[in-house]
Structures are given as structure tokens and as C-alpha cells.
N, C-alpha and C. Protein backbone atom coordinates (compact mmCIF):
# COMPACT_ATOMS: atom_id res chain seq x y z
N UNK A 1 -16.28 -15.75 -22.92
CA UNK A 1 -16.00 -17.05 -22.34
C UNK A 1 -14.52 -17.39 -22.48
N UNK A 2 -13.88 -16.95 -23.57
CA UNK A 2 -12.47 -17.27 -23.76
C UNK A 2 -11.57 -16.63 -22.71
N UNK A 3 -12.06 -15.58 -22.02
CA UNK A 3 -11.26 -14.91 -20.99
C UNK A 3 -11.30 -15.67 -19.67
N UNK A 4 -12.21 -16.62 -19.54
CA UNK A 4 -12.29 -17.39 -18.30
C UNK A 4 -11.09 -18.31 -18.15
N UNK A 5 -10.58 -18.44 -16.91
CA UNK A 5 -9.46 -19.35 -16.70
C UNK A 5 -9.86 -20.79 -17.04
N UNK A 6 -8.96 -21.50 -17.65
CA UNK A 6 -9.21 -22.91 -17.96
C UNK A 6 -8.74 -23.74 -16.78
N UNK A 7 -9.66 -24.40 -16.12
CA UNK A 7 -9.33 -25.18 -14.92
C UNK A 7 -9.63 -26.65 -15.16
N UNK A 8 -8.82 -27.49 -14.57
CA UNK A 8 -9.01 -28.93 -14.66
C UNK A 8 -9.77 -29.38 -13.41
N UNK A 9 -11.05 -29.73 -13.53
CA UNK A 9 -11.84 -30.10 -12.36
C UNK A 9 -11.26 -31.30 -11.60
N UNK A 10 -10.72 -32.27 -12.31
CA UNK A 10 -10.15 -33.44 -11.63
C UNK A 10 -8.95 -33.06 -10.78
N UNK A 11 -8.16 -32.10 -11.27
CA UNK A 11 -7.00 -31.64 -10.52
C UNK A 11 -7.44 -30.94 -9.23
N UNK A 12 -8.46 -30.11 -9.32
CA UNK A 12 -8.95 -29.41 -8.13
C UNK A 12 -9.60 -30.37 -7.15
N UNK A 13 -10.32 -31.37 -7.65
CA UNK A 13 -10.90 -32.38 -6.79
C UNK A 13 -9.81 -33.15 -6.06
N UNK A 14 -8.77 -33.51 -6.77
CA UNK A 14 -7.64 -34.23 -6.18
C UNK A 14 -7.00 -33.40 -5.07
N UNK A 15 -6.80 -32.11 -5.31
CA UNK A 15 -6.24 -31.22 -4.29
C UNK A 15 -7.14 -31.18 -3.06
N UNK A 16 -8.45 -31.05 -3.30
CA UNK A 16 -9.41 -30.97 -2.21
C UNK A 16 -9.39 -32.25 -1.37
N UNK A 17 -9.40 -33.38 -2.03
CA UNK A 17 -9.37 -34.66 -1.31
C UNK A 17 -8.07 -34.85 -0.55
N UNK A 18 -7.01 -34.17 -1.01
CA UNK A 18 -5.72 -34.22 -0.33
C UNK A 18 -5.58 -33.18 0.77
N UNK A 19 -6.62 -32.36 0.97
CA UNK A 19 -6.59 -31.38 2.05
C UNK A 19 -6.18 -29.98 1.64
N UNK A 20 -5.91 -29.77 0.35
CA UNK A 20 -5.55 -28.44 -0.15
C UNK A 20 -6.73 -27.90 -0.94
N UNK A 21 -7.29 -26.80 -0.48
CA UNK A 21 -8.47 -26.25 -1.13
C UNK A 21 -8.09 -25.09 -2.03
N UNK A 22 -8.33 -25.27 -3.32
CA UNK A 22 -8.09 -24.22 -4.31
C UNK A 22 -9.36 -23.38 -4.38
N UNK A 23 -9.33 -22.23 -3.76
CA UNK A 23 -10.52 -21.38 -3.73
C UNK A 23 -10.48 -20.40 -4.90
N UNK A 24 -11.54 -20.39 -5.68
CA UNK A 24 -11.62 -19.48 -6.82
C UNK A 24 -13.08 -19.28 -7.20
N UNK A 25 -13.33 -18.26 -7.98
CA UNK A 25 -14.66 -17.99 -8.51
C UNK A 25 -14.48 -17.55 -9.95
N UNK A 26 -14.86 -18.39 -10.88
CA UNK A 26 -14.71 -18.07 -12.31
C UNK A 26 -15.55 -16.88 -12.74
N UNK A 27 -16.54 -16.50 -11.95
CA UNK A 27 -17.36 -15.35 -12.32
C UNK A 27 -16.67 -14.02 -12.02
N UNK A 28 -15.50 -14.05 -11.34
CA UNK A 28 -14.79 -12.80 -11.07
C UNK A 28 -14.38 -12.09 -12.37
N UNK A 29 -13.89 -12.83 -13.34
CA UNK A 29 -13.41 -12.22 -14.58
C UNK A 29 -14.53 -11.40 -15.26
N UNK A 30 -15.69 -11.99 -15.54
CA UNK A 30 -16.73 -11.18 -16.17
C UNK A 30 -17.30 -10.10 -15.24
N UNK A 31 -17.39 -10.39 -13.95
CA UNK A 31 -17.92 -9.38 -13.02
C UNK A 31 -17.00 -8.17 -12.96
N UNK A 32 -15.68 -8.39 -12.92
CA UNK A 32 -14.74 -7.28 -12.86
C UNK A 32 -14.72 -6.50 -14.18
N UNK A 33 -14.99 -7.17 -15.29
CA UNK A 33 -15.02 -6.44 -16.56
C UNK A 33 -16.27 -5.56 -16.66
N UNK A 34 -17.37 -6.02 -16.06
CA UNK A 34 -18.60 -5.24 -16.08
C UNK A 34 -18.61 -4.15 -15.00
N UNK A 35 -18.00 -4.45 -13.86
CA UNK A 35 -17.98 -3.51 -12.73
C UNK A 35 -16.56 -3.43 -12.17
N UNK A 36 -15.68 -2.65 -12.81
CA UNK A 36 -14.28 -2.56 -12.37
C UNK A 36 -14.12 -2.12 -10.91
N UNK A 37 -15.10 -1.44 -10.37
CA UNK A 37 -15.00 -1.02 -8.97
C UNK A 37 -14.97 -2.21 -8.02
N UNK A 38 -15.50 -3.36 -8.45
CA UNK A 38 -15.41 -4.58 -7.64
C UNK A 38 -13.96 -5.03 -7.49
N UNK A 39 -13.19 -4.90 -8.55
CA UNK A 39 -11.77 -5.25 -8.50
C UNK A 39 -11.02 -4.31 -7.56
N UNK A 40 -11.41 -3.05 -7.54
CA UNK A 40 -10.78 -2.09 -6.63
C UNK A 40 -11.06 -2.49 -5.18
N UNK A 41 -12.30 -2.85 -4.90
CA UNK A 41 -12.66 -3.28 -3.54
C UNK A 41 -11.89 -4.54 -3.17
N UNK A 42 -11.81 -5.50 -4.08
CA UNK A 42 -11.08 -6.74 -3.79
C UNK A 42 -9.61 -6.42 -3.48
N UNK A 43 -9.02 -5.55 -4.26
CA UNK A 43 -7.62 -5.17 -4.04
C UNK A 43 -7.43 -4.50 -2.68
N UNK A 44 -8.38 -3.66 -2.28
CA UNK A 44 -8.31 -3.01 -0.98
C UNK A 44 -8.40 -4.05 0.14
N UNK A 45 -9.28 -5.01 -0.01
CA UNK A 45 -9.42 -6.07 1.00
C UNK A 45 -8.15 -6.92 1.07
N UNK A 46 -7.60 -7.27 -0.08
CA UNK A 46 -6.37 -8.06 -0.10
C UNK A 46 -5.22 -7.30 0.57
N UNK A 47 -5.21 -6.00 0.43
CA UNK A 47 -4.16 -5.18 1.02
C UNK A 47 -4.25 -5.06 2.53
N UNK A 48 -5.29 -5.61 3.12
CA UNK A 48 -5.45 -5.54 4.57
C UNK A 48 -5.14 -6.87 5.27
N UNK A 49 -4.40 -7.73 4.60
CA UNK A 49 -3.86 -8.91 5.26
C UNK A 49 -4.67 -10.18 5.25
N UNK A 50 -5.75 -10.22 4.49
CA UNK A 50 -6.51 -11.47 4.43
C UNK A 50 -5.74 -12.49 3.60
N UNK A 51 -5.86 -13.77 3.98
CA UNK A 51 -5.18 -14.84 3.25
C UNK A 51 -5.79 -15.03 1.86
N UNK A 52 -7.09 -14.88 1.77
CA UNK A 52 -7.79 -15.08 0.50
C UNK A 52 -9.01 -14.18 0.46
N UNK A 53 -9.24 -13.54 -0.68
CA UNK A 53 -10.43 -12.72 -0.90
C UNK A 53 -11.08 -13.22 -2.18
N UNK A 54 -12.36 -13.58 -2.07
CA UNK A 54 -13.10 -14.11 -3.22
C UNK A 54 -14.41 -13.36 -3.40
N UNK A 55 -14.77 -13.16 -4.64
CA UNK A 55 -16.10 -12.65 -4.94
C UNK A 55 -17.06 -13.80 -4.69
N UNK A 56 -18.14 -13.53 -3.97
CA UNK A 56 -19.13 -14.57 -3.70
C UNK A 56 -20.18 -14.52 -4.80
N UNK A 57 -20.47 -15.65 -5.39
CA UNK A 57 -21.48 -15.72 -6.44
C UNK A 57 -21.11 -14.83 -7.61
N UNK A 58 -22.05 -14.02 -8.04
CA UNK A 58 -21.81 -13.16 -9.19
C UNK A 58 -21.49 -11.72 -8.78
N UNK A 59 -21.18 -11.51 -7.52
CA UNK A 59 -20.70 -10.19 -7.12
C UNK A 59 -21.49 -9.47 -6.06
N UNK A 60 -22.35 -10.16 -5.35
CA UNK A 60 -23.13 -9.48 -4.32
C UNK A 60 -22.33 -9.26 -3.05
N UNK A 61 -21.24 -10.01 -2.87
CA UNK A 61 -20.43 -9.87 -1.66
C UNK A 61 -19.05 -10.48 -1.89
N UNK A 62 -18.17 -10.22 -0.93
CA UNK A 62 -16.84 -10.83 -0.92
C UNK A 62 -16.72 -11.72 0.30
N UNK A 63 -15.96 -12.76 0.16
CA UNK A 63 -15.60 -13.62 1.28
C UNK A 63 -14.13 -13.37 1.55
N UNK A 64 -13.81 -12.99 2.78
CA UNK A 64 -12.42 -12.73 3.18
C UNK A 64 -12.04 -13.79 4.20
N UNK A 65 -10.99 -14.54 3.90
CA UNK A 65 -10.55 -15.62 4.77
C UNK A 65 -9.21 -15.23 5.39
N UNK A 66 -9.11 -15.43 6.69
CA UNK A 66 -7.86 -15.12 7.37
C UNK A 66 -8.07 -14.06 8.44
N UNK A 67 -6.97 -13.62 9.01
CA UNK A 67 -7.01 -12.68 10.12
C UNK A 67 -6.68 -11.27 9.70
N UNK A 68 -7.15 -10.87 8.55
CA UNK A 68 -6.90 -9.51 8.08
C UNK A 68 -7.65 -8.49 8.92
N UNK A 69 -7.28 -7.26 8.75
CA UNK A 69 -7.94 -6.16 9.44
C UNK A 69 -8.90 -5.49 8.46
N UNK A 70 -10.21 -5.61 8.69
CA UNK A 70 -11.16 -5.04 7.74
C UNK A 70 -10.97 -3.53 7.59
N UNK A 71 -10.93 -3.04 6.38
CA UNK A 71 -10.79 -1.60 6.17
C UNK A 71 -12.14 -0.91 6.32
N UNK A 72 -12.09 0.39 6.54
CA UNK A 72 -13.32 1.16 6.50
C UNK A 72 -13.54 1.57 5.05
N UNK A 73 -14.60 1.08 4.46
CA UNK A 73 -14.97 1.46 3.10
C UNK A 73 -16.43 1.91 3.14
N UNK A 74 -16.74 3.09 2.65
CA UNK A 74 -18.12 3.56 2.66
C UNK A 74 -19.05 2.55 1.99
N UNK A 75 -20.15 2.27 2.66
CA UNK A 75 -21.14 1.35 2.11
C UNK A 75 -20.81 -0.12 2.32
N UNK A 76 -19.69 -0.41 2.99
CA UNK A 76 -19.28 -1.80 3.22
C UNK A 76 -19.83 -2.28 4.56
N UNK A 77 -20.53 -3.39 4.55
CA UNK A 77 -21.02 -4.02 5.77
C UNK A 77 -20.19 -5.27 6.03
N UNK A 78 -19.77 -5.44 7.26
CA UNK A 78 -18.94 -6.59 7.63
C UNK A 78 -19.72 -7.55 8.50
N UNK A 79 -19.59 -8.83 8.22
CA UNK A 79 -20.25 -9.86 8.98
C UNK A 79 -19.23 -10.95 9.32
N UNK A 80 -18.48 -10.78 10.42
CA UNK A 80 -17.46 -11.78 10.79
C UNK A 80 -18.11 -13.14 11.04
N UNK A 81 -17.40 -14.17 10.67
CA UNK A 81 -17.87 -15.54 10.86
C UNK A 81 -16.68 -16.42 11.20
N UNK A 82 -16.97 -17.52 11.87
CA UNK A 82 -15.93 -18.50 12.19
C UNK A 82 -16.40 -19.87 11.70
N UNK A 83 -15.44 -20.68 11.32
CA UNK A 83 -15.77 -22.04 10.91
C UNK A 83 -16.06 -22.88 12.15
N UNK A 84 -17.03 -23.75 12.02
CA UNK A 84 -17.32 -24.72 13.08
C UNK A 84 -16.60 -25.99 12.69
N UNK A 85 -15.75 -26.45 13.57
CA UNK A 85 -14.96 -27.65 13.26
C UNK A 85 -15.27 -28.74 14.27
N UNK A 86 -15.08 -29.94 13.84
CA UNK A 86 -15.22 -31.09 14.73
C UNK A 86 -14.09 -32.06 14.43
N UNK A 87 -13.83 -32.93 15.37
CA UNK A 87 -12.81 -33.94 15.14
C UNK A 87 -13.42 -35.06 14.31
N UNK A 88 -12.56 -35.75 13.58
CA UNK A 88 -13.01 -36.84 12.72
C UNK A 88 -13.79 -37.86 13.54
N UNK A 89 -14.90 -38.31 12.99
CA UNK A 89 -15.78 -39.31 13.61
C UNK A 89 -16.35 -38.86 14.95
N UNK A 90 -16.47 -37.58 15.16
CA UNK A 90 -17.07 -37.06 16.39
C UNK A 90 -18.13 -36.02 16.03
N UNK A 91 -19.08 -35.85 16.93
CA UNK A 91 -20.11 -34.84 16.71
C UNK A 91 -19.57 -33.50 17.17
N UNK A 92 -20.22 -32.42 16.78
CA UNK A 92 -19.79 -31.08 17.18
C UNK A 92 -19.95 -30.91 18.68
N UNK A 93 -18.94 -30.32 19.30
CA UNK A 93 -19.00 -30.10 20.76
C UNK A 93 -19.51 -28.71 21.06
């Protein structure tokens, strides 16, 4: 537990409410220590131009944000997704 980053929840909430999203997953530290190959995969994904790469949950998948070019990695399945956005006080078009 001492290896986990110490984060101030109020600071992150303040950033979020201000429009800046601090994306992180505190489970990355223990997951990477148990399965170092996950860190290798994350590094490979980061090296392909994504703005942010996060371990999802406790390590079942990665979330890659941005316009990176997905690498070919054996056993890797890719599921592209796009955010659905709407204008303030309007329904989705």
C-alpha cells in the first residue's frame, strides 16, 4: 500500500469541475508489480502516439485515448470507440 501514489481527492475533484480531467488508475502499481508484462504493453501503446494510456480496472484491458496508431501485438484485440458529446442543455443529436 505504501507504494501507491498519494493523491488528494479534493484537488482532483477541483480539476475535474474546472474541465481538466486527471486520468489515473491506482491499481496500475500493484498490477505492474504482479504482472510486469502489463507495463511492457502499456509502454508499447504509449509509444504509438496515444495521448493517454490507462489500465482499466485491475488489468483486464487498457484504455487508449487519442489518435494514436494501434500497434500489432499478438493476442491484442482492439475495440475503437468514440465519445458521444452534446451541447450544454441540449439532448444528443
